[in-house]
Amino acid sequence: MFKLIVNFLFEKRWAFAAILIGTATGFLSAVICVMANLVIFGFNIMFIVSPLSLVLWKLS
């Protein structure tokens, strides 16, 4: 049973890596948008670039 789980995780390692990289990139874009307060023509671009930035903006 344990070997079956290990084989599954080994086969899906790139999927897990892609999820982690995507999450880290999204979080980084949110931090950049909040820190730089990106605004174009009065509309805050962080709501387009990263939905997570809305959460960070409310917390700051």
N, C-alpha and C. Protein backbone atom coordinates (compact mmCIF):
# COMPACT_ATOMS: atom_id res chain seq x y z
N MET A 1 0.83 -1.20 0.00
CA MET A 1 0.00 0.00 0.00
C MET A 1 0.88 1.27 0.00
N PHE A 2 1.89 1.26 0.87
CA PHE A 2 2.79 2.41 0.96
C PHE A 2 3.52 2.63 -0.36
N LYS A 3 3.95 1.54 -0.99
CA LYS A 3 4.66 1.64 -2.26
C LYS A 3 3.75 2.20 -3.36
N LEU A 4 2.48 1.86 -3.30
CA LEU A 4 1.51 2.39 -4.27
C LEU A 4 1.36 3.91 -4.14
N ILE A 5 1.32 4.38 -2.91
CA ILE A 5 1.21 5.82 -2.66
C ILE A 5 2.47 6.54 -3.10
N VAL A 6 3.63 5.96 -2.80
CA VAL A 6 4.90 6.55 -3.20
C VAL A 6 5.00 6.62 -4.73
N ASN A 7 4.59 5.56 -5.41
CA ASN A 7 4.61 5.57 -6.88
C ASN A 7 3.69 6.63 -7.45
N PHE A 8 2.50 6.78 -6.85
CA PHE A 8 1.56 7.81 -7.30
C PHE A 8 2.16 9.20 -7.15
N LEU A 9 2.74 9.47 -6.00
CA LEU A 9 3.34 10.78 -5.76
C LEU A 9 4.52 11.04 -6.69
N PHE A 10 5.29 9.98 -6.96
CA PHE A 10 6.44 10.12 -7.85
C PHE A 10 5.99 10.41 -9.28
N GLU A 11 4.92 9.75 -9.72
CA GLU A 11 4.40 9.99 -11.07
C GLU A 11 3.83 11.39 -11.22
N LYS A 12 3.27 11.92 -10.18
CA LYS A 12 2.61 13.24 -10.22
C LYS A 12 3.50 14.36 -9.71
N ARG A 13 4.80 14.13 -9.62
CA ARG A 13 5.68 15.14 -9.02
C ARG A 13 5.68 16.45 -9.79
N TRP A 14 5.55 16.41 -11.12
CA TRP A 14 5.55 17.65 -11.89
C TRP A 14 4.25 18.41 -11.71
N ALA A 15 3.18 17.70 -11.49
CA ALA A 15 1.90 18.38 -11.20
C ALA A 15 1.98 19.13 -9.88
N PHE A 16 2.55 18.47 -8.87
CA PHE A 16 2.71 19.13 -7.58
C PHE A 16 3.66 20.32 -7.68
N ALA A 17 4.72 20.16 -8.45
CA ALA A 17 5.66 21.28 -8.65
C ALA A 17 4.98 22.44 -9.35
N ALA A 18 4.15 22.15 -10.36
CA ALA A 18 3.45 23.21 -11.08
C ALA A 18 2.47 23.94 -10.17
N ILE A 19 1.80 23.22 -9.30
CA ILE A 19 0.87 23.85 -8.35
C ILE A 19 1.62 24.76 -7.40
N LEU A 20 2.74 24.29 -6.88
CA LEU A 20 3.53 25.11 -5.95
C LEU A 20 4.12 26.34 -6.62
N ILE A 21 4.61 26.17 -7.84
CA ILE A 21 5.18 27.32 -8.58
C ILE A 21 4.09 28.33 -8.90
N GLY A 22 2.93 27.86 -9.33
CA GLY A 22 1.81 28.76 -9.64
C GLY A 22 1.32 29.51 -8.42
N THR A 23 1.25 28.82 -7.30
CA THR A 23 0.82 29.47 -6.05
C THR A 23 1.84 30.52 -5.62
N ALA A 24 3.11 30.19 -5.69
CA ALA A 24 4.15 31.15 -5.31
C ALA A 24 4.15 32.37 -6.23
N THR A 25 3.97 32.14 -7.53
CA THR A 25 3.93 33.25 -8.49
C THR A 25 2.72 34.14 -8.24
N GLY A 26 1.58 33.55 -7.99
CA GLY A 26 0.37 34.33 -7.68
C GLY A 26 0.52 35.15 -6.42
N PHE A 27 1.11 34.55 -5.41
CA PHE A 27 1.33 35.28 -4.16
C PHE A 27 2.31 36.42 -4.37
N LEU A 28 3.36 36.17 -5.14
CA LEU A 28 4.34 37.22 -5.42
C LEU A 28 3.70 38.38 -6.19
N SER A 29 2.85 38.06 -7.17
CA SER A 29 2.19 39.13 -7.92
C SER A 29 1.26 39.93 -7.02
N ALA A 30 0.62 39.26 -6.08
CA ALA A 30 -0.25 39.97 -5.14
C ALA A 30 0.54 40.92 -4.26
N VAL A 31 1.67 40.45 -3.78
CA VAL A 31 2.52 41.29 -2.93
C VAL A 31 3.02 42.51 -3.71
N ILE A 32 3.44 42.29 -4.96
CA ILE A 32 3.93 43.40 -5.79
C ILE A 32 2.82 44.41 -6.03
N CYS A 33 1.62 43.94 -6.34
CA CYS A 33 0.51 44.85 -6.60
C CYS A 33 0.15 45.67 -5.37
N VAL A 34 0.16 45.04 -4.22
CA VAL A 34 -0.20 45.77 -3.00
C VAL A 34 0.90 46.74 -2.60
N MET A 35 2.15 46.30 -2.68
CA MET A 35 3.26 47.16 -2.27
C MET A 35 3.43 48.35 -3.22
N ALA A 36 3.25 48.12 -4.51
CA ALA A 36 3.43 49.19 -5.49
C ALA A 36 2.16 50.01 -5.68
N ASN A 37 1.04 49.54 -5.12
CA ASN A 37 -0.25 50.23 -5.26
C ASN A 37 -0.51 50.56 -6.73
N LEU A 38 -0.50 49.55 -7.57
CA LEU A 38 -0.62 49.73 -9.02
C LEU A 38 -2.00 50.26 -9.38
N VAL A 39 -2.01 51.45 -9.94
CA VAL A 39 -3.25 52.11 -10.33
C VAL A 39 -3.09 52.65 -11.74
N ILE A 40 -4.06 52.37 -12.62
CA ILE A 40 -4.06 52.91 -13.97
C ILE A 40 -5.40 53.60 -14.20
N PHE A 41 -5.38 54.87 -14.50
CA PHE A 41 -6.58 55.66 -14.77
C PHE A 41 -7.61 55.53 -13.65
N GLY A 42 -7.14 55.54 -12.42
CA GLY A 42 -8.03 55.50 -11.28
C GLY A 42 -8.56 54.12 -10.94
N PHE A 43 -8.24 53.11 -11.76
CA PHE A 43 -8.71 51.75 -11.47
C PHE A 43 -7.53 50.95 -10.95
N ASN A 44 -7.72 50.34 -9.84
CA ASN A 44 -6.62 49.60 -9.22
C ASN A 44 -6.38 48.30 -9.98
N ILE A 45 -5.24 48.21 -10.64
CA ILE A 45 -4.94 47.07 -11.50
C ILE A 45 -4.75 45.78 -10.71
N MET A 46 -4.54 45.87 -9.40
CA MET A 46 -4.33 44.65 -8.65
C MET A 46 -5.57 43.76 -8.66
N PHE A 47 -6.74 44.33 -8.90
CA PHE A 47 -7.94 43.50 -8.95
C PHE A 47 -7.99 42.69 -10.23
N ILE A 48 -7.28 43.11 -11.27
CA ILE A 48 -7.19 42.35 -12.52
C ILE A 48 -6.04 41.36 -12.44
N VAL A 49 -4.89 41.83 -11.99
CA VAL A 49 -3.68 41.02 -12.00
C VAL A 49 -3.77 39.86 -11.02
N SER A 50 -4.24 40.11 -9.83
CA SER A 50 -4.21 39.07 -8.82
C SER A 50 -5.38 39.19 -7.85
N PRO A 51 -6.32 38.26 -7.91
CA PRO A 51 -7.43 38.30 -6.95
C PRO A 51 -6.96 38.16 -5.50
N LEU A 52 -5.84 37.48 -5.30
CA LEU A 52 -5.32 37.32 -3.95
C LEU A 52 -4.90 38.66 -3.36
N SER A 53 -4.56 39.62 -4.22
CA SER A 53 -4.13 40.91 -3.73
C SER A 53 -5.25 41.63 -2.98
N LEU A 54 -6.50 41.35 -3.36
CA LEU A 54 -7.62 41.94 -2.64
C LEU A 54 -7.59 41.52 -1.17
N VAL A 55 -7.29 40.27 -0.92
CA VAL A 55 -7.20 39.77 0.45
C VAL A 55 -6.04 40.44 1.17
N LEU A 56 -4.89 40.53 0.51
CA LEU A 56 -3.74 41.18 1.14
C LEU A 56 -4.00 42.65 1.39
N TRP A 57 -4.71 43.31 0.46
CA TRP A 57 -5.01 44.73 0.60
C TRP A 57 -5.92 44.96 1.79
N LYS A 58 -6.91 44.09 1.99
CA LYS A 58 -7.83 44.23 3.12
C LYS A 58 -7.10 43.99 4.45
N LEU A 59 -6.09 43.12 4.43
CA LEU A 59 -5.37 42.81 5.66
C LEU A 59 -4.35 43.89 6.03
N SER A 60 -3.91 44.68 5.05
CA SER A 60 -2.88 45.68 5.36
C SER A 60 -3.46 46.98 5.85
